[in-house]
């Protein structure tokens, strides 16, 4: 396969963009397997991967232990069109995990912007552009967005696996996985809500690579946050209905708080 064939990819993303996402590690398990096979079989694609490794290497070298304010990542996600998320402390050691997670997500965001900036001309869509409508100026971020409480769900090794943005007004929470932290395989993540001294209650299967909305009543959410109920993620066998009791120890835990 030559480079011209890469230019005429029929299915998005383009070969160059797929190579960049593979190097960044933002692909899900199935996409990573596909990319690895493509590297082994397609020498032109393998060269693109090597080229992106060289391009992004300086970003890795410049990464330092900077403390990222909690509001930065939610705003980045909002600008990218994702669900806004922040973070909250996990009982018994979650503070250190938050800064590790914030550093990792900050680098991922910076690298993603680098991909856009470094895209080669062949990846630019040459079809006639749609006339752009003037965008209304953004004067401020709504207060309701910045005040949504967020809980972090952290692995026993201190890495943030999920961020849960809690909306007590409408009831429910956005659960956003951190790329690469949820194990890939035949088992799927299940979210559990655990009141003090009670058995875990299943809130169903949740996304391993995409944000997921979990519905709850506003009254129950207020109660859970006032009492510091625990959130937990376990990896369970796939089934038509999520299990009602965990079959294994949690891979990550956190807590709700005001």
Protein backbone atom coordinates (compact mmCIF):
# COMPACT_ATOMS: atom_id res chain seq x y z
CA UNK A 1 0.00 0.00 0.00
CA UNK A 2 1.43 3.40 -0.98
CA UNK A 3 0.87 6.81 0.57
CA UNK A 4 -1.67 7.77 -2.08
CA UNK A 5 -3.87 4.93 -0.93
CA UNK A 6 -3.62 6.38 2.58
CA UNK A 7 -4.80 9.69 1.20
CA UNK A 8 -7.93 8.07 -0.22
CA UNK A 9 -9.09 6.27 2.92
CA UNK A 10 -12.76 5.53 2.46
CA UNK A 11 -13.58 5.28 6.17
CA UNK A 12 -12.62 7.87 8.79
CA UNK A 13 -10.32 8.37 10.56
CA UNK A 14 -7.49 8.84 8.07
CA UNK A 15 -4.37 6.73 8.36
CA UNK A 16 -2.38 9.69 9.70
CA UNK A 17 -4.99 10.52 12.36
CA UNK A 18 -5.34 6.86 13.36
CA UNK A 19 -1.56 6.64 13.75
CA UNK A 20 -1.54 9.74 15.96
CA UNK A 21 -4.35 8.40 18.15
CA UNK A 22 -2.55 5.07 18.45
CA UNK A 23 0.64 6.80 19.63
CA UNK A 24 -1.35 8.94 22.10
CA UNK A 25 -3.04 5.83 23.52
CA UNK A 26 -6.58 7.22 23.20
CA UNK A 27 -8.01 4.31 21.19
CA UNK A 28 -10.25 1.77 22.86
CA UNK A 29 -9.27 -1.90 23.09
CA UNK A 30 -10.75 -2.93 19.74
CA UNK A 31 -9.23 0.05 17.94
CA UNK A 32 -5.81 -0.62 19.51
CA UNK A 33 -5.89 -4.22 18.29
CA UNK A 34 -6.83 -3.03 14.81
CA UNK A 35 -4.01 -0.47 14.83
CA UNK A 36 -1.44 -3.03 16.03
CA UNK A 37 -2.45 -5.38 13.22
CA UNK A 38 -2.20 -2.53 10.73
CA UNK A 39 1.31 -1.67 11.95
CA UNK A 40 2.37 -5.29 11.41
CA UNK A 41 0.80 -5.61 7.97
CA UNK A 42 1.09 -2.12 6.49
CA UNK A 43 4.60 -0.68 6.27
CA UNK A 44 3.31 2.76 5.23
CA UNK A 45 1.09 2.93 8.31
CA UNK A 46 4.00 1.73 10.47
CA UNK A 47 6.06 4.66 9.15
CA UNK A 48 3.26 7.05 10.12
CA UNK A 49 3.30 5.63 13.65
CA UNK A 50 7.08 6.09 13.86
CA UNK A 51 6.74 9.64 12.59
CA UNK A 52 4.12 10.51 15.23
CA UNK A 53 6.32 8.97 17.92
CA UNK A 54 9.09 11.37 16.86
CA UNK A 55 6.73 14.35 16.71
CA UNK A 56 5.23 13.81 20.16
CA UNK A 57 8.45 12.78 21.93
CA UNK A 58 9.31 16.43 22.82
CA UNK A 59 5.96 16.76 24.63
CA UNK A 60 6.81 13.78 26.81
CA UNK A 61 10.24 15.22 27.60
CA UNK A 62 8.70 18.56 28.60
CA UNK A 63 6.08 17.01 30.91
CA UNK A 64 6.74 18.15 34.48
CA UNK A 65 5.04 17.66 37.85
CA UNK A 66 2.71 20.63 37.61
CA UNK A 67 -0.41 20.90 39.79
CA UNK A 68 -3.44 21.33 37.53
CA UNK A 69 -6.36 23.30 39.06
CA UNK A 70 -9.53 21.14 39.31
CA UNK A 71 -11.52 23.43 36.99
CA UNK A 72 -9.15 23.16 34.00
CA UNK A 73 -10.01 19.64 32.79
CA UNK A 74 -13.82 20.18 32.91
CA UNK A 75 -13.45 23.31 30.79
CA UNK A 76 -11.24 21.51 28.28
CA UNK A 77 -13.79 18.69 28.02
CA UNK A 78 -16.62 21.21 27.57
CA UNK A 79 -14.74 22.98 24.77
CA UNK A 80 -14.23 19.59 23.08
CA UNK A 81 -17.95 18.89 23.31
CA UNK A 82 -17.66 16.26 26.04
CA UNK A 83 -19.45 16.09 29.37
CA UNK A 84 -17.88 18.52 31.89
CA UNK A 85 -16.08 16.75 34.70
CA UNK A 86 -14.00 17.80 37.67
CA UNK A 87 -12.74 15.84 40.64
CA UNK A 88 -13.23 15.30 44.36
CA UNK A 89 -11.07 13.62 46.97
CA UNK A 90 -11.30 9.91 47.60
CA UNK A 91 -11.25 8.95 51.28
CA UNK A 92 -7.92 7.63 52.50
CA UNK A 93 -5.40 8.84 49.97
CA UNK A 94 -7.30 10.07 46.91
CA UNK A 95 -5.69 13.50 46.93
CA UNK A 96 -2.37 12.27 45.58
CA UNK A 97 -4.22 10.19 43.00
CA UNK A 98 -6.10 13.26 41.79
CA UNK A 99 -2.92 15.14 40.93
CA UNK A 100 -1.52 12.12 39.14
CA UNK A 101 -4.72 11.82 37.15
CA UNK A 102 -4.85 15.54 36.45
CA UNK A 103 -1.28 15.48 35.13
CA UNK A 104 -2.08 12.55 32.86
CA UNK A 105 -5.28 14.07 31.50
CA UNK A 106 -3.57 17.44 31.05
CA UNK A 107 -0.87 15.83 28.94
CA UNK A 108 -3.49 13.95 26.91
CA UNK A 109 -5.32 17.20 26.17
CA UNK A 110 -2.09 18.96 25.16
CA UNK A 111 -1.07 16.07 22.94
CA UNK A 112 -4.50 15.99 21.32
CA UNK A 113 -4.14 19.66 20.43
CA UNK A 114 -0.71 18.87 19.02
CA UNK A 115 -2.25 16.28 16.70
CA UNK A 116 -4.57 18.92 15.27
CA UNK A 117 -1.70 21.38 14.84
CA UNK A 118 0.64 18.84 13.24
CA UNK A 119 -1.84 17.20 10.86
CA UNK A 120 -0.38 16.85 7.39
CA UNK A 121 -2.01 18.63 4.44
CA UNK A 122 -3.15 15.32 2.93
CA UNK A 123 -5.50 14.83 5.88
CA UNK A 124 -7.36 18.09 5.29
CA UNK A 125 -10.86 17.58 3.86
CA UNK A 126 -10.84 19.10 0.35
CA UNK A 127 -14.60 19.00 -0.13
CA UNK A 128 -16.44 22.31 -0.47
CA UNK A 129 -16.76 23.79 3.02
CA UNK A 130 -20.12 24.60 4.54
CA UNK A 131 -20.52 28.28 5.21
CA UNK A 132 -19.71 28.89 8.85
CA UNK A 133 -22.13 30.83 11.02
CA UNK A 134 -20.64 33.50 13.29
CA UNK A 135 -20.25 32.14 16.79
CA UNK A 136 -21.72 34.05 19.69
CA UNK A 137 -18.97 35.38 21.96
CA UNK A 138 -18.50 33.43 25.18
CA UNK A 139 -18.41 35.90 28.04
CA UNK A 140 -18.34 33.46 30.94
CA UNK A 141 -18.94 29.86 31.94
CA UNK A 142 -22.36 29.41 33.60
CA UNK A 143 -22.07 29.22 37.37
CA UNK A 144 -24.11 26.00 37.44
CA UNK A 145 -21.48 24.25 35.34
CA UNK A 146 -18.55 25.21 37.54
CA UNK A 147 -20.40 24.35 40.74
CA UNK A 148 -21.35 20.76 39.88
CA UNK A 149 -19.77 18.45 42.46
CA UNK A 150 -17.43 15.81 41.06
CA UNK A 151 -16.25 12.55 42.60
CA UNK A 152 -13.18 10.63 41.52
CA UNK A 153 -13.14 6.83 41.44
CA UNK A 154 -9.57 5.68 41.97
CA UNK A 155 -7.74 2.36 41.64
CA UNK A 156 -5.84 0.81 44.55
CA UNK A 157 -2.64 2.02 42.85
CA UNK A 158 -3.73 5.65 43.08
CA UNK A 159 -4.78 6.23 39.46
CA UNK A 160 -8.05 7.98 38.65
CA UNK A 161 -10.18 5.55 36.61
CA UNK A 162 -13.45 7.50 36.44
CA UNK A 163 -14.69 11.02 37.15
CA UNK A 164 -18.35 11.36 38.14
CA UNK A 165 -20.01 14.75 37.65
CA UNK A 166 -23.06 14.82 39.92
CA UNK A 167 -26.17 16.79 38.92
CA UNK A 168 -28.41 17.02 41.97
CA UNK A 169 -30.85 19.34 40.17
CA UNK A 170 -32.07 16.87 37.55
CA UNK A 171 -30.86 13.70 39.28
CA UNK A 172 -28.02 11.51 38.06
CA UNK A 173 -24.37 11.78 37.16
CA UNK A 174 -22.07 11.75 34.15
CA UNK A 175 -19.46 9.03 34.54
CA UNK A 176 -16.36 9.66 32.39
CA UNK A 177 -13.61 7.00 32.15
CA UNK A 178 -9.96 8.05 31.97
CA UNK A 179 -8.54 6.50 28.74
CA UNK A 180 -6.39 3.44 29.32
CA UNK A 181 -7.33 2.91 32.98
CA UNK A 182 -10.28 0.51 32.54
CA UNK A 183 -9.08 -3.03 31.74
CA UNK A 184 -9.95 -4.32 28.27
CA UNK A 185 -11.29 -7.83 27.91
CA UNK A 186 -14.43 -9.93 28.13
CA UNK A 187 -15.58 -8.39 31.43
CA UNK A 188 -17.39 -5.06 31.58
CA UNK A 189 -17.37 -2.32 34.24
CA UNK A 190 -20.35 -2.12 36.61
CA UNK A 191 -21.01 0.87 38.89
CA UNK A 192 -22.07 0.24 42.50
CA UNK A 193 -23.53 2.58 45.10
CA UNK A 194 -22.76 1.54 48.69
CA UNK A 195 -24.55 3.23 51.63
CA UNK A 196 -22.69 2.92 54.97
CA UNK A 197 -23.17 -0.52 56.49
CA UNK A 198 -25.30 -1.78 53.60
CA UNK A 199 -24.82 -4.08 50.63
CA UNK A 200 -23.68 -2.65 47.26
CA UNK A 201 -26.49 -1.65 44.91
CA UNK A 202 -25.91 -2.05 41.19
CA UNK A 203 -26.33 1.05 39.01
CA UNK A 204 -25.70 -1.01 35.88
CA UNK A 205 -23.00 -1.43 33.27
CA UNK A 206 -21.08 1.75 32.44
CA UNK A 207 -18.83 2.80 29.58
CA UNK A 208 -15.20 1.70 29.47
CA UNK A 209 -14.10 4.29 26.89
CA UNK A 210 -16.99 6.77 26.64
CA UNK A 211 -18.95 8.96 29.05
CA UNK A 212 -22.06 7.35 30.48
CA UNK A 213 -25.16 8.90 32.09
CA UNK A 214 -26.33 7.20 35.29
CA UNK A 215 -29.83 8.17 36.40
CA UNK A 216 -30.71 8.65 40.08
CA UNK A 217 -33.32 10.67 41.93
CA UNK A 218 -32.30 14.09 43.21
CA UNK A 219 -33.43 13.18 46.72
CA UNK A 220 -31.29 10.05 46.79
CA UNK A 221 -28.28 11.92 45.43
CA UNK A 222 -28.57 14.57 48.15
CA UNK A 223 -28.80 11.85 50.78
CA UNK A 224 -25.82 9.99 49.31
CA UNK A 225 -23.67 13.13 49.21
CA UNK A 226 -24.56 14.20 52.74
CA UNK A 227 -23.67 10.75 54.12
CA UNK A 228 -20.63 10.13 51.89
CA UNK A 229 -21.89 7.01 50.14
CA UNK A 230 -19.25 4.99 48.32
CA UNK A 231 -19.02 4.52 44.54
CA UNK A 232 -17.23 1.42 43.27
CA UNK A 233 -16.41 -0.17 39.92
CA UNK A 234 -16.07 -3.93 39.44
CA UNK A 235 -15.36 -5.86 36.25
CA UNK A 236 -18.21 -8.31 35.68
CA UNK A 237 -19.08 -10.88 32.97
CA UNK A 238 -21.16 -9.47 30.13
CA UNK A 239 -24.85 -10.33 30.45
CA UNK A 240 -28.21 -8.99 29.19
CA UNK A 241 -28.81 -7.52 32.67
CA UNK A 242 -26.16 -6.16 35.03
CA UNK A 243 -25.52 -8.34 38.11
CA UNK A 244 -27.22 -7.42 41.37
CA UNK A 245 -24.22 -8.39 43.51
CA UNK A 246 -20.49 -8.00 42.76
CA UNK A 247 -18.56 -11.17 41.93
CA UNK A 248 -15.11 -9.68 42.52
CA UNK A 249 -13.30 -6.98 44.47
CA UNK A 250 -13.58 -3.40 43.14
CA UNK A 251 -10.99 -2.23 40.64
CA UNK A 252 -11.67 1.37 41.73
CA UNK A 253 -13.58 3.18 44.49
CA UNK A 254 -14.54 6.71 45.46
CA UNK A 255 -17.13 8.59 47.48
CA UNK A 256 -19.82 11.19 47.03
CA UNK A 257 -19.55 14.36 49.09
CA UNK A 258 -20.92 17.89 49.17
